């Protein structure tokens, strides 16, 4: 299974935690893959950074290992004690293709192909952008960003990155699989960008994964975006 954690700190010195957390995460039992991510100011990847908000994407051996981390890790303790806002969600992988650091971290955790269950879907995309394609990539973002703001069925979305400019990701929540498909295939701006990505070879590596989100807790911009769905 996987998890996604979004933490907003009260002060601008939050970046120091990125360095201090790494050795702790490396020694966390049952944590098979993780990435600490800075976040953007918009709903998609952008040049602007929110220096107070950071994210963690993690893949676990099982839910018990995640629970142990949340209860006992000094990283999670600081989230509780020092954050202004935090949001956590458990993720059951449905499908994954591509790579992150040379391999698909979700390959062993993804369920065999089957119909997506009804209800909300989480989507993670990430890419390593070729340096010569950075200008084209960032010129394409504003149209997609505006589309996300008004897209029906998008519950929440955030742009993130593990390395400034060239290694970028998005995490988004949707009403259902149909809403994901409408955005991906039926909106001209997004179709055009995807077409250019393929034709012009913008990425040296990319990953696209879908999940069933469950067990969410906390707040993301003042609310839990999955709560209206559950209620």
C-alpha atoms as a PDB file:
ATOM      1  CA  UNK A   1       0.000   0.000   0.000  1.00  0.00           C
ATOM      2  CA  UNK A   2       0.988   3.669  -0.278  1.00  0.00           C
ATOM      3  CA  UNK A   3       0.281   6.932   1.494  1.00  0.00           C
ATOM      4  CA  UNK A   4       0.417  10.663   0.827  1.00  0.00           C
ATOM      5  CA  UNK A   5       0.999  13.288   3.510  1.00  0.00           C
ATOM      6  CA  UNK A   6       0.644  17.052   3.097  1.00  0.00           C
ATOM      7  CA  UNK A   7       2.073  19.242   5.863  1.00  0.00           C
ATOM      8  CA  UNK A   8       1.837  23.009   6.264  1.00  0.00           C
ATOM      9  CA  UNK A   9       4.180  24.576   8.825  1.00  0.00           C
ATOM     10  CA  UNK A  10       3.646  27.904  10.536  1.00  0.00           C
ATOM     11  CA  UNK A  11       7.068  29.348   9.676  1.00  0.00           C
ATOM     12  CA  UNK A  12       9.251  29.687   6.611  1.00  0.00           C
ATOM     13  CA  UNK A  13      12.069  27.622   8.132  1.00  0.00           C
ATOM     14  CA  UNK A  14      10.217  24.416   7.264  1.00  0.00           C
ATOM     15  CA  UNK A  15      12.773  23.561   4.558  1.00  0.00           C
ATOM     16  CA  UNK A  16      15.274  22.453   7.211  1.00  0.00           C
ATOM     17  CA  UNK A  17      13.041  19.488   8.033  1.00  0.00           C
ATOM     18  CA  UNK A  18      13.667  18.097   4.556  1.00  0.00           C
ATOM     19  CA  UNK A  19      17.293  17.452   5.505  1.00  0.00           C
ATOM     20  CA  UNK A  20      16.631  16.248   9.059  1.00  0.00           C
ATOM     21  CA  UNK A  21      13.843  13.874   8.020  1.00  0.00           C
ATOM     22  CA  UNK A  22      15.820  11.967   5.411  1.00  0.00           C
ATOM     23  CA  UNK A  23      17.969   9.812   7.733  1.00  0.00           C
ATOM     24  CA  UNK A  24      14.916   9.047   9.883  1.00  0.00           C
ATOM     25  CA  UNK A  25      12.916   7.917   6.867  1.00  0.00           C
ATOM     26  CA  UNK A  26      15.816   5.804   5.598  1.00  0.00           C
ATOM     27  CA  UNK A  27      15.749   3.892   8.874  1.00  0.00           C
ATOM     28  CA  UNK A  28      11.960   3.438   9.048  1.00  0.00           C
ATOM     29  CA  UNK A  29      10.938  -0.210   9.081  1.00  0.00           C
ATOM     30  CA  UNK A  30       8.573  -1.354   6.353  1.00  0.00           C
ATOM     31  CA  UNK A  31       9.058   1.805   4.260  1.00  0.00           C
ATOM     32  CA  UNK A  32      10.092   0.441   0.880  1.00  0.00           C
ATOM     33  CA  UNK A  33      10.042   3.722  -1.095  1.00  0.00           C
ATOM     34  CA  UNK A  34       9.620   7.396  -0.235  1.00  0.00           C
ATOM     35  CA  UNK A  35      10.047  10.870  -1.646  1.00  0.00           C
ATOM     36  CA  UNK A  36       9.975  14.175   0.223  1.00  0.00           C
ATOM     37  CA  UNK A  37       8.435  16.830  -2.015  1.00  0.00           C
ATOM     38  CA  UNK A  38       8.227  20.576  -2.032  1.00  0.00           C
ATOM     39  CA  UNK A  39       4.905  21.979  -3.242  1.00  0.00           C
ATOM     40  CA  UNK A  40       3.769  24.663  -5.648  1.00  0.00           C
ATOM     41  CA  UNK A  41       1.302  27.447  -5.062  1.00  0.00           C
ATOM     42  CA  UNK A  42      -1.208  26.312  -7.660  1.00  0.00           C
ATOM     43  CA  UNK A  43      -3.154  23.138  -8.358  1.00  0.00           C
ATOM     44  CA  UNK A  44      -0.618  21.850 -10.872  1.00  0.00           C
ATOM     45  CA  UNK A  45       3.125  22.034 -11.458  1.00  0.00           C
ATOM     46  CA  UNK A  46       4.349  25.631 -11.528  1.00  0.00           C
ATOM     47  CA  UNK A  47       7.409  27.806 -11.015  1.00  0.00           C
ATOM     48  CA  UNK A  48       6.027  29.235  -7.768  1.00  0.00           C
ATOM     49  CA  UNK A  49       6.867  27.390  -4.538  1.00  0.00           C
ATOM     50  CA  UNK A  50       4.984  27.320  -1.231  1.00  0.00           C
ATOM     51  CA  UNK A  51       7.881  27.280   1.230  1.00  0.00           C
ATOM     52  CA  UNK A  52       5.620  26.474   4.175  1.00  0.00           C
ATOM     53  CA  UNK A  53       4.023  23.339   2.725  1.00  0.00           C
ATOM     54  CA  UNK A  54       5.736  20.010   2.072  1.00  0.00           C
ATOM     55  CA  UNK A  55       4.626  16.510   1.117  1.00  0.00           C
ATOM     56  CA  UNK A  56       5.683  12.908   1.555  1.00  0.00           C
ATOM     57  CA  UNK A  57       4.753  10.093  -0.822  1.00  0.00           C
ATOM     58  CA  UNK A  58       5.492   6.665   0.629  1.00  0.00           C
ATOM     59  CA  UNK A  59       5.089   2.992  -0.272  1.00  0.00           C
ATOM     60  CA  UNK A  60       4.801   0.541   2.640  1.00  0.00           C
ATOM     61  CA  UNK A  61       5.060  -3.199   3.167  1.00  0.00           C
ATOM     62  CA  UNK A  62       1.598  -3.019   4.765  1.00  0.00           C
ATOM     63  CA  UNK A  63      -0.826  -0.851   6.684  1.00  0.00           C
ATOM     64  CA  UNK A  64       0.607  -1.898  10.048  1.00  0.00           C
ATOM     65  CA  UNK A  65       3.978  -0.389   9.111  1.00  0.00           C
ATOM     66  CA  UNK A  66       2.287   2.880   8.210  1.00  0.00           C
ATOM     67  CA  UNK A  67       0.368   2.872  11.485  1.00  0.00           C
ATOM     68  CA  UNK A  68       3.589   2.296  13.417  1.00  0.00           C
ATOM     69  CA  UNK A  69       5.218   5.220  11.623  1.00  0.00           C
ATOM     70  CA  UNK A  70       2.308   7.547  12.383  1.00  0.00           C
ATOM     71  CA  UNK A  71       2.262   6.550  16.048  1.00  0.00           C
ATOM     72  CA  UNK A  72       5.989   6.327  16.839  1.00  0.00           C
ATOM     73  CA  UNK A  73       8.141   8.169  14.314  1.00  0.00           C
ATOM     74  CA  UNK A  74       9.657  11.511  15.372  1.00  0.00           C
ATOM     75  CA  UNK A  75       8.762  12.788  11.921  1.00  0.00           C
ATOM     76  CA  UNK A  76       5.061  12.130  12.481  1.00  0.00           C
ATOM     77  CA  UNK A  77       5.331  13.521  16.020  1.00  0.00           C
ATOM     78  CA  UNK A  78       6.645  16.789  14.656  1.00  0.00           C
ATOM     79  CA  UNK A  79       3.811  16.890  12.142  1.00  0.00           C
ATOM     80  CA  UNK A  80       1.395  16.732  15.062  1.00  0.00           C
ATOM     81  CA  UNK A  81       3.250  19.217  17.257  1.00  0.00           C
ATOM     82  CA  UNK A  82       4.604  21.812  14.848  1.00  0.00           C
ATOM     83  CA  UNK A  83       2.378  21.851  11.785  1.00  0.00           C
ATOM     84  CA  UNK A  84      -0.285  24.435  11.179  1.00  0.00           C
ATOM     85  CA  UNK A  85      -2.237  21.929   9.106  1.00  0.00           C
ATOM     86  CA  UNK A  86      -1.714  18.347   7.982  1.00  0.00           C
ATOM     87  CA  UNK A  87      -3.584  15.868   5.802  1.00  0.00           C
ATOM     88  CA  UNK A  88      -2.898  12.142   5.431  1.00  0.00           C
ATOM     89  CA  UNK A  89      -4.437   9.517   3.169  1.00  0.00           C
ATOM     90  CA  UNK A  90      -3.913   5.811   2.654  1.00  0.00           C
ATOM     91  CA  UNK A  91      -3.773   4.637  -0.951  1.00  0.00           C
ATOM     92  CA  UNK A  92      -4.600   1.254  -2.455  1.00  0.00           C
ATOM     93  CA  UNK A  93      -2.736   1.045  -5.789  1.00  0.00           C
ATOM     94  CA  UNK A  94      -4.905   0.214  -8.792  1.00  0.00           C
ATOM     95  CA  UNK A  95      -2.488   0.698 -11.676  1.00  0.00           C
ATOM     96  CA  UNK A  96       0.964   2.065 -12.282  1.00  0.00           C
ATOM     97  CA  UNK A  97       3.176   2.518 -15.306  1.00  0.00           C
ATOM     98  CA  UNK A  98       6.571   4.094 -15.747  1.00  0.00           C
ATOM     99  CA  UNK A  99       9.415   4.615 -13.335  1.00  0.00           C
ATOM    100  CA  UNK A 100      10.701   6.717 -10.471  1.00  0.00           C
ATOM    101  CA  UNK A 101      14.431   6.495  -9.923  1.00  0.00           C
ATOM    102  CA  UNK A 102      14.812   3.714 -12.463  1.00  0.00           C
ATOM    103  CA  UNK A 103      12.010   1.398 -11.321  1.00  0.00           C
ATOM    104  CA  UNK A 104       8.279   1.387 -10.644  1.00  0.00           C
ATOM    105  CA  UNK A 105       7.994   1.615  -6.830  1.00  0.00           C
ATOM    106  CA  UNK A 106       4.400   0.371  -6.990  1.00  0.00           C
ATOM    107  CA  UNK A 107       4.941  -2.680  -9.178  1.00  0.00           C
ATOM    108  CA  UNK A 108       4.774  -5.150  -6.287  1.00  0.00           C
ATOM    109  CA  UNK A 109       1.936  -3.317  -4.537  1.00  0.00           C
ATOM    110  CA  UNK A 110      -0.432  -2.877  -7.483  1.00  0.00           C
ATOM    111  CA  UNK A 111      -3.428  -5.194  -7.583  1.00  0.00           C
ATOM    112  CA  UNK A 112      -4.016  -7.374 -10.671  1.00  0.00           C
ATOM    113  CA  UNK A 113      -5.942  -5.529 -13.434  1.00  0.00           C
ATOM    114  CA  UNK A 114      -9.624  -5.243 -12.633  1.00  0.00           C
ATOM    115  CA  UNK A 115     -12.468  -2.770 -12.789  1.00  0.00           C
ATOM    116  CA  UNK A 116     -11.977   0.350 -10.696  1.00  0.00           C
ATOM    117  CA  UNK A 117     -14.414   0.315  -7.762  1.00  0.00           C
ATOM    118  CA  UNK A 118     -16.956   3.133  -7.625  1.00  0.00           C
ATOM    119  CA  UNK A 119     -16.012   6.200  -5.636  1.00  0.00           C
ATOM    120  CA  UNK A 120     -13.076   8.593  -5.450  1.00  0.00           C
ATOM    121  CA  UNK A 121      -9.803   8.024  -7.271  1.00  0.00           C
ATOM    122  CA  UNK A 122      -6.368   9.476  -6.509  1.00  0.00           C
ATOM    123  CA  UNK A 123      -3.859  10.098  -9.301  1.00  0.00           C
ATOM    124  CA  UNK A 124      -0.106  10.585  -8.979  1.00  0.00           C
ATOM    125  CA  UNK A 125       1.948  11.766 -11.939  1.00  0.00           C
ATOM    126  CA  UNK A 126       5.641  12.572 -11.902  1.00  0.00           C
ATOM    127  CA  UNK A 127       8.261  13.331 -14.513  1.00  0.00           C
ATOM    128  CA  UNK A 128      11.929  14.091 -14.958  1.00  0.00           C
ATOM    129  CA  UNK A 129      11.962  16.867 -17.537  1.00  0.00           C
ATOM    130  CA  UNK A 130      14.801  17.040 -20.035  1.00  0.00           C
ATOM    131  CA  UNK A 131      16.713  20.333 -19.563  1.00  0.00           C
ATOM    132  CA  UNK A 132      16.198  21.395 -23.180  1.00  0.00           C
ATOM    133  CA  UNK A 133      12.421  20.960 -22.776  1.00  0.00           C
ATOM    134  CA  UNK A 134      12.011  22.983 -19.560  1.00  0.00           C
ATOM    135  CA  UNK A 135      10.900  26.177 -21.314  1.00  0.00           C
ATOM    136  CA  UNK A 136       8.267  24.380 -23.386  1.00  0.00           C
ATOM    137  CA  UNK A 137       7.046  22.481 -20.332  1.00  0.00           C
ATOM    138  CA  UNK A 138       6.527  25.542 -18.147  1.00  0.00           C
ATOM    139  CA  UNK A 139       4.935  27.518 -20.955  1.00  0.00           C
ATOM    140  CA  UNK A 140       2.318  24.772 -21.246  1.00  0.00           C
ATOM    141  CA  UNK A 141       1.356  24.778 -17.557  1.00  0.00           C
ATOM    142  CA  UNK A 142      -0.898  27.870 -17.236  1.00  0.00           C
ATOM    143  CA  UNK A 143      -3.601  26.487 -19.559  1.00  0.00           C
ATOM    144  CA  UNK A 144      -3.683  23.145 -17.728  1.00  0.00           C
ATOM    145  CA  UNK A 145      -3.650  24.916 -14.353  1.00  0.00           C
ATOM    146  CA  UNK A 146      -6.660  27.061 -15.271  1.00  0.00           C
ATOM    147  CA  UNK A 147      -8.445  23.958 -16.519  1.00  0.00           C
ATOM    148  CA  UNK A 148      -7.908  22.139 -13.223  1.00  0.00           C
ATOM    149  CA  UNK A 149      -9.408  25.046 -11.282  1.00  0.00           C
ATOM    150  CA  UNK A 150     -12.706  24.699 -13.092  1.00  0.00           C
ATOM    151  CA  UNK A 151     -12.706  20.981 -13.925  1.00  0.00           C
ATOM    152  CA  UNK A 152     -15.826  19.143 -12.799  1.00  0.00           C
ATOM    153  CA  UNK A 153     -15.044  16.164 -10.617  1.00  0.00           C
ATOM    154  CA  UNK A 154     -11.636  17.339  -9.376  1.00  0.00           C
ATOM    155  CA  UNK A 155     -11.819  17.381  -5.579  1.00  0.00           C
ATOM    156  CA  UNK A 156      -8.286  18.684  -4.957  1.00  0.00           C
ATOM    157  CA  UNK A 157      -4.936  18.886  -6.703  1.00  0.00           C
ATOM    158  CA  UNK A 158      -1.421  19.992  -5.869  1.00  0.00           C
ATOM    159  CA  UNK A 159       1.836  20.357  -7.767  1.00  0.00           C
ATOM    160  CA  UNK A 160       4.975  19.053  -6.094  1.00  0.00           C
ATOM    161  CA  UNK A 161       8.624  18.443  -6.844  1.00  0.00           C
ATOM    162  CA  UNK A 162      11.626  16.592  -5.428  1.00  0.00           C
ATOM    163  CA  UNK A 163      14.097  18.837  -7.257  1.00  0.00           C
ATOM    164  CA  UNK A 164      13.546  22.431  -8.426  1.00  0.00           C
ATOM    165  CA  UNK A 165      12.174  22.824 -11.952  1.00  0.00           C
ATOM    166  CA  UNK A 166      13.208  19.497 -13.505  1.00  0.00           C
ATOM    167  CA  UNK A 167      11.628  16.766 -11.341  1.00  0.00           C
ATOM    168  CA  UNK A 168       7.966  17.480 -10.923  1.00  0.00           C
ATOM    169  CA  UNK A 169       4.801  15.694  -9.777  1.00  0.00           C
ATOM    170  CA  UNK A 170       1.099  16.205  -9.220  1.00  0.00           C
ATOM    171  CA  UNK A 171      -1.246  14.539  -6.756  1.00  0.00           C
ATOM    172  CA  UNK A 172      -4.966  14.882  -7.390  1.00  0.00           C
ATOM    173  CA  UNK A 173      -8.278  13.551  -6.074  1.00  0.00           C
ATOM    174  CA  UNK A 174     -11.297  12.937  -8.287  1.00  0.00           C
ATOM    175  CA  UNK A 175     -14.939  12.015  -7.817  1.00  0.00           C
ATOM    176  CA  UNK A 176     -14.485   8.815  -9.801  1.00  0.00           C
ATOM    177  CA  UNK A 177     -12.673   7.192 -12.712  1.00  0.00           C
ATOM    178  CA  UNK A 178     -14.969   8.869 -15.237  1.00  0.00           C
ATOM    179  CA  UNK A 179     -13.920  12.317 -14.014  1.00  0.00           C
ATOM    180  CA  UNK A 180     -10.250  11.372 -14.461  1.00  0.00           C
ATOM    181  CA  UNK A 181     -10.949  10.190 -18.012  1.00  0.00           C
ATOM    182  CA  UNK A 182     -12.836  13.357 -18.924  1.00  0.00           C
ATOM    183  CA  UNK A 183      -9.911  15.528 -17.881  1.00  0.00           C
ATOM    184  CA  UNK A 184      -7.243  13.349 -19.455  1.00  0.00           C
ATOM    185  CA  UNK A 185      -8.863  12.690 -22.823  1.00  0.00           C
ATOM    186  CA  UNK A 186     -11.666  15.174 -23.439  1.00  0.00           C
ATOM    187  CA  UNK A 187     -10.066  18.519 -22.636  1.00  0.00           C
ATOM    188  CA  UNK A 188      -8.174  20.133 -25.496  1.00  0.00           C
ATOM    189  CA  UNK A 189      -5.465  21.821 -23.419  1.00  0.00           C
ATOM    190  CA  UNK A 190      -4.486  18.601 -21.665  1.00  0.00           C
ATOM    191  CA  UNK A 191      -4.627  16.529 -24.857  1.00  0.00           C
ATOM    192  CA  UNK A 192      -2.399  19.032 -26.637  1.00  0.00           C
ATOM    193  CA  UNK A 193       0.212  18.955 -23.867  1.00  0.00           C
ATOM    194  CA  UNK A 194       0.267  15.150 -23.748  1.00  0.00           C
ATOM    195  CA  UNK A 195       0.647  15.056 -27.528  1.00  0.00           C
ATOM    196  CA  UNK A 196       3.655  17.374 -27.381  1.00  0.00           C
ATOM    197  CA  UNK A 197       5.194  15.369 -24.533  1.00  0.00           C
ATOM    198  CA  UNK A 198       5.163  12.269 -26.729  1.00  0.00           C
ATOM    199  CA  UNK A 199       6.177  13.900 -30.010  1.00  0.00           C
ATOM    200  CA  UNK A 200       8.957  16.070 -28.594  1.00  0.00           C
ATOM    201  CA  UNK A 201      10.295  13.760 -25.876  1.00  0.00           C
ATOM    202  CA  UNK A 202       9.955  16.156 -22.943  1.00  0.00           C
ATOM    203  CA  UNK A 203      10.575  13.557 -20.219  1.00  0.00           C
ATOM    204  CA  UNK A 204      13.522  11.284 -19.522  1.00  0.00           C
ATOM    205  CA  UNK A 205      11.386   9.347 -17.010  1.00  0.00           C
ATOM    206  CA  UNK A 206       7.735   9.440 -15.980  1.00  0.00           C
ATOM    207  CA  UNK A 207       5.250   7.631 -13.754  1.00  0.00           C
ATOM    208  CA  UNK A 208       1.454   7.553 -13.796  1.00  0.00           C
ATOM    209  CA  UNK A 209      -0.413   5.788 -10.993  1.00  0.00           C
ATOM    210  CA  UNK A 210      -4.024   5.498  -9.841  1.00  0.00           C
ATOM    211  CA  UNK A 211      -5.230   4.609  -6.347  1.00  0.00           C
ATOM    212  CA  UNK A 212      -8.312   4.130  -4.243  1.00  0.00           C
ATOM    213  CA  UNK A 213      -7.908   6.682  -1.417  1.00  0.00           C
ATOM    214  CA  UNK A 214      -9.161   5.665   2.026  1.00  0.00           C
ATOM    215  CA  UNK A 215      -8.681   6.432   5.703  1.00  0.00           C
ATOM    216  CA  UNK A 216      -8.012  10.137   5.178  1.00  0.00           C
ATOM    217  CA  UNK A 217      -7.574  12.397   8.201  1.00  0.00           C
ATOM    218  CA  UNK A 218      -6.728  16.029   8.854  1.00  0.00           C
ATOM    219  CA  UNK A 219      -7.207  19.062   6.626  1.00  0.00           C
ATOM    220  CA  UNK A 220      -6.013  20.201   3.226  1.00  0.00           C
ATOM    221  CA  UNK A 221      -6.611  23.957   2.832  1.00  0.00           C
ATOM    222  CA  UNK A 222      -9.005  23.898   5.758  1.00  0.00           C
ATOM    223  CA  UNK A 223     -10.961  20.733   4.984  1.00  0.00           C
ATOM    224  CA  UNK A 224     -10.699  17.079   4.130  1.00  0.00           C
ATOM    225  CA  UNK A 225     -11.500  16.960   0.369  1.00  0.00           C
ATOM    226  CA  UNK A 226     -12.654  13.349   0.654  1.00  0.00           C
ATOM    227  CA  UNK A 227     -15.109  13.894   3.521  1.00  0.00           C
ATOM    228  CA  UNK A 228     -18.074  15.087   1.407  1.00  0.00           C
ATOM    229  CA  UNK A 229     -17.673  11.928  -0.665  1.00  0.00           C
ATOM    230  CA  UNK A 230     -17.752   9.684   2.393  1.00  0.00           C
ATOM    231  CA  UNK A 231     -20.685  11.457   3.969  1.00  0.00           C
END
